[in-house]
N, C-alpha and C. Protein backbone atom coordinates (compact mmCIF):
# COMPACT_ATOMS: atom_id res chain seq x y z
N MET A 1 -10.24 -13.11 -52.35
CA MET A 1 -10.98 -13.96 -53.27
C MET A 1 -10.35 -13.97 -54.64
N GLY A 2 -9.63 -12.93 -54.95
CA GLY A 2 -9.04 -12.86 -56.28
C GLY A 2 -10.04 -12.35 -57.30
N GLU A 3 -9.68 -12.43 -58.55
CA GLU A 3 -10.53 -11.95 -59.64
C GLU A 3 -11.75 -12.85 -59.80
N ARG A 4 -12.92 -12.23 -59.97
CA ARG A 4 -14.17 -12.96 -60.19
C ARG A 4 -14.87 -12.42 -61.42
N PRO A 5 -15.67 -13.28 -62.13
CA PRO A 5 -16.26 -12.88 -63.40
C PRO A 5 -17.63 -12.21 -63.32
N SER A 6 -18.17 -11.94 -62.11
CA SER A 6 -19.49 -11.32 -62.04
C SER A 6 -19.57 -10.38 -60.85
N CYS A 7 -20.68 -9.64 -60.79
CA CYS A 7 -20.86 -8.67 -59.71
C CYS A 7 -21.39 -9.32 -58.44
N CYS A 8 -21.76 -10.58 -58.46
CA CYS A 8 -22.35 -11.24 -57.29
C CYS A 8 -21.33 -12.05 -56.50
N ASN A 9 -20.29 -11.40 -56.06
CA ASN A 9 -19.28 -12.05 -55.23
C ASN A 9 -18.94 -11.09 -54.11
N TRP A 10 -18.91 -11.60 -52.87
CA TRP A 10 -18.55 -10.77 -51.73
C TRP A 10 -17.63 -11.56 -50.81
N THR A 11 -16.76 -10.87 -50.13
CA THR A 11 -15.95 -11.43 -49.07
C THR A 11 -16.28 -10.65 -47.81
N ILE A 12 -16.64 -11.37 -46.74
CA ILE A 12 -17.04 -10.74 -45.49
C ILE A 12 -16.22 -11.35 -44.36
N ILE A 13 -15.47 -10.53 -43.64
CA ILE A 13 -14.75 -11.03 -42.47
C ILE A 13 -15.72 -11.01 -41.31
N ASP A 14 -16.02 -12.19 -40.79
CA ASP A 14 -17.02 -12.34 -39.74
C ASP A 14 -16.45 -12.09 -38.35
N GLY A 15 -15.15 -12.32 -38.17
CA GLY A 15 -14.55 -12.12 -36.86
C GLY A 15 -13.19 -12.76 -36.79
N ALA A 16 -12.53 -12.57 -35.65
CA ALA A 16 -11.21 -13.15 -35.42
C ALA A 16 -11.04 -13.38 -33.93
N CYS A 17 -10.28 -14.42 -33.58
CA CYS A 17 -10.00 -14.68 -32.17
C CYS A 17 -8.73 -15.52 -32.05
N GLU A 18 -8.18 -15.53 -30.84
CA GLU A 18 -6.99 -16.33 -30.57
C GLU A 18 -7.43 -17.70 -30.07
N VAL A 19 -6.94 -18.74 -30.74
CA VAL A 19 -7.30 -20.11 -30.40
C VAL A 19 -6.04 -20.97 -30.49
N ASP A 20 -5.72 -21.67 -29.41
CA ASP A 20 -4.60 -22.62 -29.41
C ASP A 20 -3.31 -22.02 -29.97
N GLY A 21 -2.97 -20.81 -29.54
CA GLY A 21 -1.70 -20.21 -29.94
C GLY A 21 -1.65 -19.66 -31.35
N GLN A 22 -2.80 -19.42 -31.95
CA GLN A 22 -2.83 -18.80 -33.28
C GLN A 22 -4.05 -17.90 -33.38
N VAL A 23 -4.00 -16.97 -34.31
CA VAL A 23 -5.14 -16.09 -34.56
C VAL A 23 -5.93 -16.69 -35.72
N GLU A 24 -7.21 -16.95 -35.46
CA GLU A 24 -8.08 -17.49 -36.51
C GLU A 24 -9.01 -16.38 -37.00
N VAL A 25 -9.01 -16.19 -38.30
CA VAL A 25 -9.86 -15.17 -38.94
C VAL A 25 -10.93 -15.92 -39.72
N PHE A 26 -12.19 -15.59 -39.43
CA PHE A 26 -13.32 -16.28 -40.05
C PHE A 26 -13.87 -15.43 -41.19
N VAL A 27 -13.90 -16.02 -42.39
CA VAL A 27 -14.26 -15.31 -43.61
C VAL A 27 -15.40 -16.05 -44.31
N SER A 28 -16.42 -15.32 -44.72
CA SER A 28 -17.50 -15.88 -45.54
C SER A 28 -17.34 -15.33 -46.95
N ASN A 29 -17.36 -16.23 -47.92
CA ASN A 29 -17.30 -15.85 -49.34
C ASN A 29 -18.64 -16.17 -49.98
N VAL A 30 -19.30 -15.14 -50.48
CA VAL A 30 -20.54 -15.32 -51.23
C VAL A 30 -20.11 -15.34 -52.69
N ASP A 31 -20.28 -16.47 -53.33
CA ASP A 31 -19.77 -16.66 -54.69
C ASP A 31 -20.79 -17.46 -55.48
N ASP A 32 -21.72 -16.75 -56.09
CA ASP A 32 -22.80 -17.45 -56.78
C ASP A 32 -23.28 -16.60 -57.95
N VAL A 33 -22.89 -16.95 -59.15
CA VAL A 33 -23.25 -16.17 -60.33
C VAL A 33 -24.74 -16.29 -60.68
N ARG A 34 -25.49 -17.13 -59.97
CA ARG A 34 -26.92 -17.27 -60.24
C ARG A 34 -27.75 -16.22 -59.49
N CYS A 35 -27.11 -15.33 -58.75
CA CYS A 35 -27.84 -14.29 -58.02
C CYS A 35 -28.69 -13.45 -58.97
N ILE A 36 -29.82 -13.03 -58.47
CA ILE A 36 -30.67 -12.13 -59.25
C ILE A 36 -29.91 -10.81 -59.42
N GLY A 37 -29.90 -10.32 -60.62
CA GLY A 37 -29.21 -9.06 -60.89
C GLY A 37 -27.75 -9.25 -61.23
N SER A 38 -27.31 -10.49 -61.29
CA SER A 38 -25.92 -10.76 -61.63
C SER A 38 -25.66 -10.39 -63.09
N TYR A 39 -24.55 -9.74 -63.32
CA TYR A 39 -24.15 -9.44 -64.69
C TYR A 39 -22.64 -9.59 -64.81
N PRO A 40 -22.15 -9.89 -65.99
CA PRO A 40 -20.71 -10.07 -66.16
C PRO A 40 -19.95 -8.77 -65.86
N ALA A 41 -18.97 -8.87 -64.99
CA ALA A 41 -18.11 -7.74 -64.66
C ALA A 41 -16.93 -8.29 -63.88
N VAL A 42 -15.75 -7.89 -64.22
CA VAL A 42 -14.58 -8.33 -63.48
C VAL A 42 -14.54 -7.59 -62.15
N THR A 43 -14.54 -8.34 -61.05
CA THR A 43 -14.50 -7.76 -59.72
C THR A 43 -13.39 -8.40 -58.90
N TYR A 44 -13.00 -7.75 -57.83
CA TYR A 44 -11.98 -8.25 -56.90
C TYR A 44 -12.52 -8.09 -55.48
N PRO A 45 -13.44 -8.96 -55.04
CA PRO A 45 -14.06 -8.81 -53.73
C PRO A 45 -13.01 -8.83 -52.61
N ALA A 46 -13.21 -7.93 -51.65
CA ALA A 46 -12.27 -7.83 -50.53
C ALA A 46 -12.98 -7.25 -49.31
N ASP A 47 -12.42 -7.48 -48.16
CA ASP A 47 -12.87 -6.88 -46.91
C ASP A 47 -11.62 -6.65 -46.07
N ALA A 48 -11.71 -5.78 -45.09
CA ALA A 48 -10.54 -5.50 -44.25
C ALA A 48 -10.98 -5.25 -42.82
N VAL A 49 -10.17 -5.66 -41.90
CA VAL A 49 -10.36 -5.37 -40.48
C VAL A 49 -9.01 -5.00 -39.89
N ARG A 50 -9.05 -4.38 -38.74
CA ARG A 50 -7.82 -4.03 -38.05
C ARG A 50 -7.75 -4.84 -36.77
N LEU A 51 -6.63 -5.54 -36.59
CA LEU A 51 -6.41 -6.38 -35.41
C LEU A 51 -5.15 -5.91 -34.69
N PRO A 52 -5.07 -6.17 -33.39
CA PRO A 52 -3.83 -5.83 -32.68
C PRO A 52 -2.65 -6.62 -33.26
N GLN A 53 -1.48 -6.00 -33.25
CA GLN A 53 -0.28 -6.67 -33.75
C GLN A 53 0.03 -7.89 -32.87
N THR A 54 0.49 -8.96 -33.52
CA THR A 54 0.82 -10.19 -32.80
C THR A 54 1.92 -10.94 -33.53
N ASP A 55 2.64 -11.75 -32.80
CA ASP A 55 3.65 -12.63 -33.40
C ASP A 55 3.07 -14.02 -33.66
N LEU A 56 1.81 -14.23 -33.28
CA LEU A 56 1.18 -15.53 -33.48
C LEU A 56 0.91 -15.77 -34.96
N PRO A 57 0.91 -17.04 -35.38
CA PRO A 57 0.53 -17.33 -36.77
C PRO A 57 -0.95 -17.00 -37.00
N VAL A 58 -1.28 -16.61 -38.22
CA VAL A 58 -2.66 -16.27 -38.58
C VAL A 58 -3.19 -17.33 -39.54
N VAL A 59 -4.37 -17.85 -39.21
CA VAL A 59 -5.01 -18.88 -40.03
C VAL A 59 -6.37 -18.34 -40.48
N PHE A 60 -6.67 -18.47 -41.76
CA PHE A 60 -7.95 -18.04 -42.29
C PHE A 60 -8.87 -19.25 -42.44
N ARG A 61 -10.07 -19.14 -41.88
CA ARG A 61 -11.10 -20.18 -41.99
C ARG A 61 -12.18 -19.64 -42.91
N GLU A 62 -12.22 -20.18 -44.14
CA GLU A 62 -13.15 -19.67 -45.14
C GLU A 62 -14.35 -20.58 -45.31
N THR A 63 -15.51 -19.95 -45.48
CA THR A 63 -16.75 -20.66 -45.73
C THR A 63 -17.36 -20.11 -47.01
N GLN A 64 -17.74 -21.00 -47.92
CA GLN A 64 -18.42 -20.61 -49.16
C GLN A 64 -19.93 -20.59 -48.87
N ILE A 65 -20.59 -19.51 -49.21
CA ILE A 65 -22.03 -19.38 -48.97
C ILE A 65 -22.72 -19.06 -50.29
N PRO A 66 -23.75 -19.84 -50.66
CA PRO A 66 -24.51 -19.50 -51.87
C PRO A 66 -25.31 -18.21 -51.65
N CYS A 67 -25.55 -17.50 -52.71
CA CYS A 67 -26.26 -16.22 -52.66
C CYS A 67 -27.62 -16.36 -51.96
N THR A 68 -28.35 -17.40 -52.25
CA THR A 68 -29.69 -17.56 -51.66
C THR A 68 -29.62 -17.69 -50.14
N ARG A 69 -28.64 -18.42 -49.63
CA ARG A 69 -28.49 -18.56 -48.17
C ARG A 69 -28.08 -17.23 -47.54
N TRP A 70 -27.18 -16.52 -48.20
CA TRP A 70 -26.75 -15.22 -47.69
C TRP A 70 -27.92 -14.26 -47.61
N ALA A 71 -28.76 -14.25 -48.65
CA ALA A 71 -29.92 -13.35 -48.67
C ALA A 71 -30.86 -13.65 -47.51
N LYS A 72 -31.08 -14.93 -47.19
CA LYS A 72 -31.94 -15.31 -46.07
C LYS A 72 -31.34 -14.82 -44.75
N GLN A 73 -30.04 -14.98 -44.57
CA GLN A 73 -29.38 -14.53 -43.34
C GLN A 73 -29.48 -13.01 -43.22
N PHE A 74 -29.30 -12.29 -44.33
CA PHE A 74 -29.36 -10.84 -44.32
C PHE A 74 -30.75 -10.35 -43.91
N LYS A 75 -31.80 -11.02 -44.40
CA LYS A 75 -33.16 -10.63 -44.05
C LYS A 75 -33.42 -10.80 -42.54
N LEU A 76 -32.79 -11.79 -41.93
CA LEU A 76 -32.97 -12.00 -40.49
C LEU A 76 -32.36 -10.86 -39.67
N LEU A 77 -31.33 -10.18 -40.22
CA LEU A 77 -30.69 -9.09 -39.50
C LEU A 77 -31.49 -7.79 -39.55
N GLN A 78 -32.41 -7.69 -40.48
CA GLN A 78 -33.17 -6.45 -40.64
C GLN A 78 -34.27 -6.32 -39.63
């Protein structure tokens, strides 16, 4: 995600799979400075996963998610 100006930014790797001769990595970015409790702070949101080594090209599929939608999804998991 790179440098962000507040504490309310997250990067979440949702999964990865091989599709049509390439590895697709699915990433959700929560990037919404309107989150409750947000305060100015330089952050560098990141996530990491371990995948088997491959010679296939890797493609990242990113989705931007507002904080309010992420909070609703999180509540459903509890």
